């Protein structure tokens, strides 16, 4: 996965009844745009994420608008 500062990110859930999380990438800590990412979530919280196995993320940027599965 590759992301840039300012990209919108959606983390989908694997459990019924849980809402997807939407946020904006504020910092990219990995090499070449890789994770971990500091994300400001739509609820105002900020957190560092490092997508693990089974996570499904969608990064919306100026150059990319495609789903990416994290492994």
N, C-alpha and C. Protein backbone atom coordinates (compact mmCIF):
# COMPACT_ATOMS: atom_id res chain seq x y z
N UNK A 1 0.83 -1.17 0.00
CA UNK A 1 0.00 0.00 0.00
C UNK A 1 0.88 1.23 0.00
N UNK A 2 0.47 2.24 -0.76
CA UNK A 2 1.20 3.49 -0.83
C UNK A 2 0.22 4.63 -0.65
N UNK A 3 0.56 5.58 0.20
CA UNK A 3 -0.31 6.71 0.46
C UNK A 3 0.52 7.97 0.59
N UNK A 4 -0.15 9.10 0.49
CA UNK A 4 0.48 10.41 0.63
C UNK A 4 -0.26 11.21 1.68
N UNK A 5 0.42 12.17 2.28
CA UNK A 5 -0.21 13.08 3.23
C UNK A 5 -1.37 13.78 2.52
N UNK A 6 -2.51 13.82 3.18
CA UNK A 6 -3.70 14.46 2.62
C UNK A 6 -4.66 13.49 1.97
N UNK A 7 -4.22 12.24 1.72
CA UNK A 7 -5.12 11.23 1.16
C UNK A 7 -6.22 10.91 2.16
N UNK A 8 -7.41 10.68 1.63
CA UNK A 8 -8.52 10.20 2.46
C UNK A 8 -8.39 8.69 2.58
N UNK A 9 -8.74 8.16 3.74
CA UNK A 9 -8.63 6.73 3.95
C UNK A 9 -9.89 6.22 4.64
N UNK A 10 -10.36 5.07 4.19
CA UNK A 10 -11.51 4.41 4.80
C UNK A 10 -11.09 3.03 5.23
N UNK A 11 -11.32 2.72 6.49
CA UNK A 11 -11.02 1.39 6.99
C UNK A 11 -12.36 0.68 7.16
N UNK A 12 -12.56 -0.36 6.37
CA UNK A 12 -13.80 -1.11 6.47
C UNK A 12 -13.70 -2.13 7.58
N UNK A 13 -14.84 -2.54 8.08
CA UNK A 13 -14.87 -3.50 9.19
C UNK A 13 -15.21 -4.88 8.67
N UNK A 14 -14.86 -5.86 9.46
CA UNK A 14 -15.17 -7.24 9.13
C UNK A 14 -16.34 -7.76 9.95
N UNK A 15 -16.87 -6.94 10.85
CA UNK A 15 -17.93 -7.37 11.74
C UNK A 15 -19.23 -6.63 11.43
N UNK A 16 -20.30 -7.37 11.36
CA UNK A 16 -21.61 -6.79 11.12
C UNK A 16 -21.96 -5.84 12.26
N UNK A 17 -22.50 -4.70 11.92
CA UNK A 17 -22.92 -3.75 12.94
C UNK A 17 -21.89 -2.69 13.27
N UNK A 18 -20.66 -2.87 12.84
CA UNK A 18 -19.63 -1.85 13.07
C UNK A 18 -19.58 -0.92 11.87
N UNK A 19 -19.41 0.36 12.15
CA UNK A 19 -19.34 1.35 11.08
C UNK A 19 -17.91 1.45 10.52
N UNK A 20 -17.83 1.75 9.24
CA UNK A 20 -16.52 2.03 8.64
C UNK A 20 -15.94 3.28 9.26
N UNK A 21 -14.61 3.38 9.25
CA UNK A 21 -13.93 4.57 9.78
C UNK A 21 -13.36 5.35 8.62
N UNK A 22 -13.56 6.67 8.66
CA UNK A 22 -13.09 7.56 7.60
C UNK A 22 -12.13 8.58 8.20
N UNK A 23 -11.04 8.84 7.49
CA UNK A 23 -10.08 9.81 8.00
C UNK A 23 -9.19 10.36 6.91
N UNK A 24 -8.23 11.17 7.34
CA UNK A 24 -7.26 11.80 6.45
C UNK A 24 -5.87 11.47 6.94
N UNK A 25 -5.00 11.05 6.04
CA UNK A 25 -3.62 10.74 6.41
C UNK A 25 -2.87 12.05 6.65
N UNK A 26 -2.33 12.18 7.86
CA UNK A 26 -1.60 13.40 8.25
C UNK A 26 -0.08 13.21 8.19
N UNK A 27 0.39 11.96 8.39
CA UNK A 27 1.82 11.67 8.30
C UNK A 27 2.00 10.26 7.75
N UNK A 28 3.04 10.09 6.94
CA UNK A 28 3.42 8.78 6.41
C UNK A 28 4.77 8.44 7.01
N UNK A 29 4.85 7.34 7.76
CA UNK A 29 6.08 7.00 8.48
C UNK A 29 6.90 5.90 7.80
N UNK A 30 6.33 5.21 6.84
CA UNK A 30 7.03 4.12 6.18
C UNK A 30 7.78 4.60 4.94
N UNK A 31 8.69 3.78 4.45
CA UNK A 31 9.42 4.15 3.24
C UNK A 31 8.51 4.11 2.01
N UNK A 32 8.74 5.01 1.09
CA UNK A 32 8.02 5.04 -0.20
C UNK A 32 6.52 5.08 -0.04
N UNK A 33 6.00 5.78 0.97
CA UNK A 33 4.57 5.92 1.15
C UNK A 33 3.90 4.77 1.87
N UNK A 34 4.69 3.87 2.43
CA UNK A 34 4.13 2.72 3.13
C UNK A 34 3.75 3.04 4.56
N UNK A 35 3.00 2.13 5.20
CA UNK A 35 2.61 2.33 6.60
C UNK A 35 3.81 2.20 7.52
N UNK A 36 3.67 2.68 8.75
CA UNK A 36 2.45 3.15 9.40
C UNK A 36 2.08 4.58 9.00
N UNK A 37 0.77 4.89 9.21
CA UNK A 37 0.23 6.20 8.88
C UNK A 37 -0.38 6.83 10.12
N UNK A 38 -0.16 8.13 10.28
CA UNK A 38 -0.87 8.87 11.30
C UNK A 38 -2.15 9.38 10.64
N UNK A 39 -3.30 8.97 11.18
CA UNK A 39 -4.59 9.28 10.57
C UNK A 39 -5.42 10.13 11.53
N UNK A 40 -6.00 11.20 11.00
CA UNK A 40 -6.99 11.98 11.74
C UNK A 40 -8.35 11.47 11.30
N UNK A 41 -9.08 10.83 12.22
CA UNK A 41 -10.36 10.23 11.91
C UNK A 41 -11.46 11.28 11.94
N UNK A 42 -12.56 10.99 11.27
CA UNK A 42 -13.68 11.92 11.15
C UNK A 42 -14.29 12.28 12.51
N UNK A 43 -14.07 11.44 13.52
CA UNK A 43 -14.61 11.75 14.85
C UNK A 43 -13.69 12.65 15.66
N UNK A 44 -12.58 13.10 15.03
CA UNK A 44 -11.65 14.01 15.69
C UNK A 44 -10.46 13.34 16.36
N UNK A 45 -10.50 12.03 16.53
CA UNK A 45 -9.37 11.31 17.11
C UNK A 45 -8.26 11.15 16.09
N UNK A 46 -7.05 11.05 16.57
CA UNK A 46 -5.88 10.82 15.72
C UNK A 46 -5.18 9.57 16.22
N UNK A 47 -4.72 8.74 15.29
CA UNK A 47 -4.03 7.53 15.70
C UNK A 47 -3.09 7.03 14.63
N UNK A 48 -2.09 6.29 15.07
CA UNK A 48 -1.12 5.68 14.18
C UNK A 48 -1.63 4.29 13.82
N UNK A 49 -1.76 4.01 12.53
CA UNK A 49 -2.23 2.69 12.11
C UNK A 49 -1.17 2.01 11.27
N UNK A 50 -1.10 0.72 11.43
CA UNK A 50 -0.25 -0.14 10.63
C UNK A 50 -1.13 -1.31 10.22
N UNK A 51 -1.75 -1.23 9.05
CA UNK A 51 -2.74 -2.25 8.66
C UNK A 51 -2.19 -3.66 8.78
N UNK A 52 -2.96 -4.53 9.40
CA UNK A 52 -2.56 -5.91 9.59
C UNK A 52 -3.30 -6.84 8.67
N UNK A 53 -3.02 -8.12 8.76
CA UNK A 53 -3.70 -9.12 7.92
C UNK A 53 -5.22 -9.04 8.10
N UNK A 54 -5.91 -9.09 7.00
CA UNK A 54 -7.36 -9.03 7.03
C UNK A 54 -7.94 -7.63 6.97
N UNK A 55 -7.10 -6.61 7.10
CA UNK A 55 -7.59 -5.24 6.99
C UNK A 55 -7.84 -4.90 5.53
N UNK A 56 -8.89 -4.17 5.30
CA UNK A 56 -9.18 -3.69 3.96
C UNK A 56 -9.24 -2.18 4.02
N UNK A 57 -8.40 -1.53 3.27
CA UNK A 57 -8.33 -0.07 3.27
C UNK A 57 -8.58 0.46 1.87
N UNK A 58 -9.17 1.63 1.81
CA UNK A 58 -9.33 2.30 0.53
C UNK A 58 -8.69 3.67 0.69
N UNK A 59 -7.69 3.94 -0.11
CA UNK A 59 -7.00 5.22 -0.08
C UNK A 59 -7.42 6.00 -1.31
N UNK A 60 -7.93 7.20 -1.09
CA UNK A 60 -8.38 8.05 -2.17
C UNK A 60 -7.41 9.21 -2.31
N UNK A 61 -6.65 9.21 -3.35
CA UNK A 61 -5.70 10.29 -3.57
C UNK A 61 -5.91 10.90 -4.93
N UNK A 62 -5.07 11.81 -5.27
CA UNK A 62 -5.16 12.45 -6.58
C UNK A 62 -4.81 11.49 -7.69
N UNK A 63 -3.92 10.54 -7.42
CA UNK A 63 -3.48 9.60 -8.45
C UNK A 63 -4.13 8.24 -8.33
N UNK A 64 -4.65 7.89 -7.16
CA UNK A 64 -5.18 6.54 -6.95
C UNK A 64 -6.56 6.61 -6.33
N UNK A 65 -7.44 5.77 -6.81
CA UNK A 65 -8.76 5.61 -6.21
C UNK A 65 -9.15 4.16 -6.37
N UNK A 66 -8.45 3.30 -5.64
CA UNK A 66 -8.68 1.87 -5.77
C UNK A 66 -8.56 1.21 -4.41
N UNK A 67 -9.33 0.14 -4.19
CA UNK A 67 -9.21 -0.55 -2.91
C UNK A 67 -7.88 -1.29 -2.81
N UNK A 68 -7.35 -1.34 -1.60
CA UNK A 68 -6.10 -2.04 -1.36
C UNK A 68 -6.26 -2.92 -0.14
N UNK A 69 -5.96 -4.20 -0.28
CA UNK A 69 -6.03 -5.11 0.86
C UNK A 69 -4.67 -5.16 1.50
N UNK A 70 -4.62 -5.00 2.80
CA UNK A 70 -3.36 -5.07 3.54
C UNK A 70 -3.10 -6.52 3.92
N UNK A 71 -1.87 -6.94 3.78
CA UNK A 71 -1.51 -8.30 4.18
C UNK A 71 -0.36 -8.28 5.14
